[in-house]
Amino acid sequence: MYLSRLFAVAVSLIAPVAALSHEFWIEPLKYQVDSGETLQANFKNGQLFEGNSLSFFDRSSARFEMIVDGNVQALTPRAGDSPAFDVIAPERDALVTVVHETTASKLTYSEWEKFLKFAEHKDFTNAAADHAAAGWPQDKFRESYTRHAKALIAVGNGEGADEAVGMETEFVAITNPYASTFDNNMKVLVLYKGKPRADAQVEVFDRSPDDSVTVTLHRTDADGMAVVPVTPGHSYLFDAVVLRPVADPVEGPNPLVWETLWAALTFAVPAK
C-alpha cells in the first residue's frame, strides 16, 4: 500500500512563502476534448495556480512534445505562438501527455533570508548547512533553474496511460484521472535521473470550479510514490523540486552555486 503523509496548508498562511517561488506549468484550455477537436494549452508562470501565459520561444525550450500511446511527436511552434500548444487531437479516444522542458535560467539571491525561506518551503532541510560548509556567500549568489512539465489531456474517454519520458526529473501518473474506474485517489511517481525519489515533498494546488485554490503538502513513500485524494470537477497542479549544488560552481562577485529542477504535472478530474 502506498502511503502519503498529508499536511493541509491554508492559502492565507502559505502565500507569503509562495511569493518566493514561481511555479511553471502547462495549462490546457480544455482538459477534455472530442476526437478531431483542437487541443490548446498555455505555458504558465505564477503563484498559487494563477499566473501569466508565456509565448513559445526556441531559446527557452529544450524539449516540447506530445505523446500518445508511446508515440512521440515533436512540437515546433513559431516564435511568439500563444497558446504554445495548438494541435489537432487524435481521431480516437486517447490520453495525451504534453511534455515541455526549458533551458536554464538564472536568478540572484540578494538576501539570505529569502533563500532560507525558499529552502524551508520546498523542504531542503540541509541547504543552509551545505551552503555554509561550501564557504559560499550569503548575499549576491546565483541559482540556475530548469522546468520539467507535463500535462494530461483526455481525448474522448481519455483511454491510455502516462509513462516516464526521460526528463531529468518528472512526475509519472500511475492512475489515469479520466478513466471511468478512477477512484479519486491520484497515484504519482516522482523520478529524478530516472530513479524514484523517496520521501520527496509534493506540493498540490487544487483549483475548484469557482477558481478558489487550496494547497496541500504530501510526501512520497520509499518507492517514490504519493497518493493524493482529488475531487471531481477540480483541476490540479502537482509540483516537486530538486535542489542541488551546481556541478561546477562559477566563482566571482555573484557566484553561481545552486541549481533547482522543477517537476510539474497538471490534469483535471471529470465531474461525476
Protein backbone atom coordinates (compact mmCIF):
# COMPACT_ATOMS: atom_id res chain seq x y z
CA MET A 1 0.00 0.00 0.00
CA TYR A 2 1.38 3.37 -0.98
CA LEU A 3 1.48 5.92 1.81
CA SER A 4 1.31 9.69 1.68
CA ARG A 5 1.63 11.99 4.66
CA LEU A 6 -0.77 14.87 4.20
CA PHE A 7 -0.26 18.33 5.59
CA ALA A 8 -3.06 20.78 4.88
CA VAL A 9 -1.82 24.31 4.39
CA ALA A 10 -4.16 27.26 4.34
CA VAL A 11 -3.59 29.60 1.39
CA SER A 12 -3.54 32.56 3.73
CA LEU A 13 -0.56 31.03 5.56
CA ILE A 14 1.38 29.80 2.56
CA ALA A 15 1.01 32.93 0.40
CA PRO A 16 3.93 34.89 1.95
CA VAL A 17 6.27 31.95 1.34
CA ALA A 18 4.84 31.15 -2.09
CA ALA A 19 5.81 34.64 -3.18
CA LEU A 20 9.41 33.41 -3.04
CA SER A 21 8.83 30.76 -5.69
CA HIS A 22 7.08 30.84 -9.04
CA GLU A 23 5.74 27.59 -10.36
CA PHE A 24 5.72 26.82 -14.08
CA TRP A 25 3.09 24.57 -15.62
CA ILE A 26 1.22 23.65 -18.79
CA GLU A 27 -2.44 24.67 -18.56
CA PRO A 28 -4.82 23.26 -21.19
CA LEU A 29 -7.68 25.50 -22.28
CA LYS A 30 -9.80 22.33 -22.04
CA TYR A 31 -8.72 19.19 -20.22
CA GLN A 32 -11.27 17.08 -22.13
CA VAL A 33 -11.94 17.36 -25.87
CA ASP A 34 -13.63 15.31 -28.58
CA SER A 35 -11.61 13.43 -31.18
CA GLY A 36 -10.53 15.71 -34.04
CA GLU A 37 -11.05 18.83 -31.92
CA THR A 38 -8.30 21.39 -31.35
CA LEU A 39 -6.02 20.83 -28.37
CA GLN A 40 -4.60 24.02 -26.87
CA ALA A 41 -2.56 24.79 -23.77
CA ASN A 42 -0.61 27.73 -22.39
CA PHE A 43 2.73 27.80 -20.64
CA LYS A 44 2.00 29.45 -17.29
CA ASN A 45 4.25 31.01 -14.68
CA GLY A 46 2.96 32.25 -11.35
CA GLN A 47 1.92 31.50 -7.81
CA LEU A 48 -0.90 29.51 -6.22
CA PHE A 49 -2.00 28.10 -9.61
CA GLU A 50 -2.56 31.60 -11.00
CA GLY A 51 -0.18 33.25 -13.39
CA ASN A 52 0.74 34.77 -16.71
CA SER A 53 0.70 32.97 -20.05
CA LEU A 54 4.07 32.70 -21.77
CA SER A 55 4.66 32.53 -25.51
CA PHE A 56 6.82 29.87 -27.12
CA PHE A 57 10.44 30.76 -27.89
CA ASP A 58 13.12 28.38 -29.15
CA ARG A 59 15.79 29.82 -26.89
CA SER A 60 13.84 28.91 -23.76
CA SER A 61 12.67 25.46 -24.91
CA ALA A 62 14.88 22.37 -24.63
CA ARG A 63 12.11 19.86 -25.38
CA PHE A 64 8.47 20.13 -26.44
CA GLU A 65 6.46 17.04 -27.35
CA MET A 66 3.08 15.39 -27.47
CA ILE A 67 2.96 11.68 -26.55
CA VAL A 68 0.06 9.33 -27.29
CA ASP A 69 0.32 5.59 -26.62
CA GLY A 70 4.10 5.84 -26.57
CA ASN A 71 4.26 7.65 -29.91
CA VAL A 72 6.24 10.87 -29.61
CA GLN A 73 5.50 13.88 -31.79
CA ALA A 74 7.99 16.75 -31.58
CA LEU A 75 6.26 20.13 -31.48
CA THR A 76 7.68 23.08 -33.38
CA PRO A 77 5.56 26.19 -32.85
CA ARG A 78 6.62 29.51 -34.30
CA ALA A 79 8.39 32.00 -32.07
CA GLY A 80 5.82 34.01 -30.15
CA ASP A 81 2.99 31.50 -30.53
CA SER A 82 0.43 31.65 -27.73
CA PRO A 83 -1.11 29.26 -26.84
CA ALA A 84 2.22 27.49 -27.17
CA PHE A 85 0.48 24.15 -27.65
CA ASP A 86 -2.03 24.15 -30.51
CA VAL A 87 -2.64 20.89 -32.40
CA ILE A 88 -5.48 18.76 -33.71
CA ALA A 89 -6.49 15.96 -31.35
CA PRO A 90 -6.19 12.34 -32.46
CA GLU A 91 -9.19 10.89 -34.28
CA ARG A 92 -9.77 8.41 -31.48
CA ASP A 93 -10.04 8.16 -27.72
CA ALA A 94 -6.65 8.76 -26.16
CA LEU A 95 -4.73 10.13 -23.21
CA VAL A 96 -2.44 12.88 -24.48
CA THR A 97 0.67 13.76 -22.49
CA VAL A 98 2.19 17.15 -23.27
CA VAL A 99 5.87 17.45 -22.28
CA HIS A 100 7.96 20.58 -22.02
CA GLU A 101 11.45 21.12 -20.65
CA THR A 102 13.00 24.58 -20.54
CA THR A 103 16.55 25.73 -20.97
CA ALA A 104 18.27 27.04 -17.85
CA SER A 105 17.51 30.46 -16.43
CA LYS A 106 19.25 32.20 -13.53
CA LEU A 107 18.29 34.30 -10.55
CA THR A 108 20.28 36.16 -7.91
CA TYR A 109 19.65 35.98 -4.17
CA SER A 110 20.49 39.33 -2.62
CA GLU A 111 19.01 38.42 0.78
CA TRP A 112 19.98 35.32 2.73
CA GLU A 113 16.55 35.16 4.42
CA LYS A 114 14.82 34.69 1.07
CA PHE A 115 16.94 31.67 0.30
CA LEU A 116 16.29 30.25 3.78
CA LYS A 117 12.53 30.71 3.40
CA PHE A 118 12.59 29.12 -0.05
CA ALA A 119 14.62 26.18 1.25
CA GLU A 120 12.24 25.72 4.16
CA HIS A 121 9.14 25.93 1.98
CA LYS A 122 10.48 23.39 -0.52
CA ASP A 123 11.77 21.14 2.29
CA PHE A 124 15.51 21.36 1.72
CA THR A 125 16.49 20.92 5.36
CA ASN A 126 20.24 20.74 4.77
CA ALA A 127 20.56 23.61 2.31
CA ALA A 128 21.76 26.25 4.78
CA ALA A 129 24.35 23.94 6.34
CA ASP A 130 25.59 22.76 2.94
CA HIS A 131 25.83 26.37 1.75
CA ALA A 132 27.90 27.37 4.79
CA ALA A 133 30.13 24.28 4.55
CA ALA A 134 30.95 25.16 0.94
CA GLY A 135 32.01 28.64 2.00
CA TRP A 136 29.59 30.41 -0.30
CA PRO A 137 28.49 34.00 0.42
CA GLN A 138 25.10 34.73 1.96
CA ASP A 139 24.27 37.50 -0.46
CA LYS A 140 24.63 38.05 -4.20
CA PHE A 141 24.83 34.37 -5.05
CA ARG A 142 23.03 32.83 -8.00
CA GLU A 143 20.85 29.85 -8.78
CA SER A 144 20.22 28.16 -12.13
CA TYR A 145 16.78 26.62 -12.65
CA THR A 146 15.01 24.47 -15.22
CA ARG A 147 11.38 23.37 -15.64
CA HIS A 148 10.18 19.85 -16.42
CA ALA A 149 6.44 19.96 -17.02
CA LYS A 150 3.73 17.55 -18.10
CA ALA A 151 0.00 17.96 -18.74
CA LEU A 152 -2.58 15.21 -19.19
CA ILE A 153 -5.46 15.83 -21.61
CA ALA A 154 -8.30 13.41 -22.39
CA VAL A 155 -9.49 12.94 -25.97
CA GLY A 156 -12.87 11.27 -25.83
CA ASN A 157 -12.82 8.94 -22.85
CA GLY A 158 -9.10 9.57 -22.33
CA GLU A 159 -8.15 5.92 -22.66
CA GLY A 160 -4.45 5.36 -22.18
CA ALA A 161 -1.62 5.69 -19.69
CA ASP A 162 1.17 8.10 -18.84
CA GLU A 163 4.75 6.86 -18.78
CA ALA A 164 8.23 8.00 -17.89
CA VAL A 165 9.63 10.12 -20.72
CA GLY A 166 13.24 10.55 -19.63
CA MET A 167 13.18 14.06 -18.22
CA GLU A 168 15.83 14.70 -15.57
CA THR A 169 13.04 14.94 -13.04
CA GLU A 170 9.36 14.25 -13.68
CA PHE A 171 6.02 13.06 -12.44
CA VAL A 172 4.59 9.85 -13.85
CA ALA A 173 0.83 9.46 -13.43
CA ILE A 174 0.27 5.88 -12.31
CA THR A 175 -3.50 6.28 -12.38
CA ASN A 176 -5.47 7.92 -15.20
CA PRO A 177 -7.75 10.61 -13.72
CA TYR A 178 -10.06 10.45 -16.76
CA ALA A 179 -10.68 6.69 -16.58
CA SER A 180 -14.20 5.55 -15.71
CA THR A 181 -12.71 3.38 -12.95
CA PHE A 182 -10.77 6.25 -11.32
CA ASP A 183 -11.42 6.23 -7.56
CA ASN A 184 -10.43 9.87 -6.84
CA ASN A 185 -7.02 8.86 -5.48
CA MET A 186 -4.30 10.15 -7.79
CA LYS A 187 -1.18 7.98 -7.67
CA VAL A 188 2.00 9.58 -8.96
CA LEU A 189 5.61 8.51 -9.12
CA VAL A 190 8.32 11.16 -8.72
CA LEU A 191 11.53 10.45 -10.63
CA TYR A 192 14.96 12.06 -10.56
CA LYS A 193 17.53 10.85 -13.09
CA GLY A 194 15.17 8.00 -13.88
CA LYS A 195 15.01 6.72 -10.31
CA PRO A 196 12.23 7.09 -7.71
CA ARG A 197 12.60 9.97 -5.24
CA ALA A 198 11.83 8.61 -1.78
CA ASP A 199 10.50 10.96 0.90
CA ALA A 200 10.19 13.88 -1.52
CA GLN A 201 7.78 16.73 -0.93
CA VAL A 202 4.91 17.07 -3.40
CA GLU A 203 3.04 20.37 -3.33
CA VAL A 204 -0.52 20.10 -4.64
CA PHE A 205 -2.53 23.06 -5.92
CA ASP A 206 -6.25 22.30 -6.14
CA ARG A 207 -8.46 24.66 -8.16
CA SER A 208 -12.21 24.34 -7.64
CA PRO A 209 -14.89 25.33 -10.19
CA ASP A 210 -15.22 28.75 -8.51
CA ASP A 211 -11.46 29.31 -9.16
CA SER A 212 -10.51 29.22 -5.48
CA VAL A 213 -7.22 27.41 -4.86
CA THR A 214 -6.13 25.37 -1.86
CA VAL A 215 -2.68 23.94 -1.24
CA THR A 216 -1.64 20.72 0.48
CA LEU A 217 1.75 19.14 1.06
CA HIS A 218 2.37 15.42 0.61
CA ARG A 219 5.39 13.13 0.66
CA THR A 220 6.44 10.21 -1.46
CA ASP A 221 6.99 6.84 0.16
CA ALA A 222 10.11 4.68 -0.02
CA ASP A 223 9.22 3.76 -3.62
CA GLY A 224 8.87 7.38 -4.75
CA MET A 225 5.07 7.13 -4.84
CA ALA A 226 2.48 9.55 -3.48
CA VAL A 227 -1.27 9.02 -3.30
CA VAL A 228 -3.28 12.25 -3.31
CA PRO A 229 -7.06 12.42 -2.79
CA VAL A 230 -8.65 14.57 -5.51
CA THR A 231 -12.12 15.94 -6.17
CA PRO A 232 -14.31 15.56 -9.28
CA GLY A 233 -14.71 18.82 -11.17
CA HIS A 234 -11.39 20.23 -9.93
CA SER A 235 -8.11 20.81 -11.77
CA TYR A 236 -4.68 20.18 -10.28
CA LEU A 237 -1.05 21.22 -10.38
CA PHE A 238 1.47 18.89 -8.71
CA ASP A 239 4.91 20.37 -8.03
CA ALA A 240 8.17 18.75 -6.82
CA VAL A 241 11.56 20.46 -6.74
CA VAL A 242 15.14 19.20 -6.65
CA LEU A 243 17.82 21.47 -5.17
CA ARG A 244 21.43 20.54 -5.79
CA PRO A 245 24.82 22.29 -5.90
CA VAL A 246 25.96 23.31 -9.36
CA ALA A 247 28.38 20.72 -10.71
CA ASP A 248 31.00 23.38 -11.49
CA PRO A 249 30.32 26.49 -9.37
CA VAL A 250 31.09 29.74 -11.16
CA GLU A 251 33.20 31.95 -8.93
CA GLY A 252 33.17 35.74 -8.90
CA PRO A 253 31.22 38.58 -7.29
CA ASN A 254 27.91 36.77 -7.99
CA PRO A 255 28.86 33.09 -7.81
CA LEU A 256 26.57 30.52 -9.41
CA VAL A 257 26.31 27.81 -6.75
CA TRP A 258 22.83 26.23 -6.69
CA GLU A 259 20.61 24.54 -9.25
CA THR A 260 16.89 23.75 -8.99
CA LEU A 261 14.89 21.39 -11.18
CA TRP A 262 11.10 21.85 -11.04
CA ALA A 263 8.79 18.98 -11.97
CA ALA A 264 5.14 19.80 -12.65
CA LEU A 265 2.06 17.80 -13.59
CA THR A 266 -1.35 19.25 -14.49
CA PHE A 267 -4.61 17.41 -15.04
CA ALA A 268 -8.31 17.63 -14.21
CA VAL A 269 -10.76 15.21 -12.65
CA PRO A 270 -14.01 14.98 -14.60
CA ALA A 271 -17.17 15.97 -12.76
CA LYS A 272 -19.34 12.97 -11.99
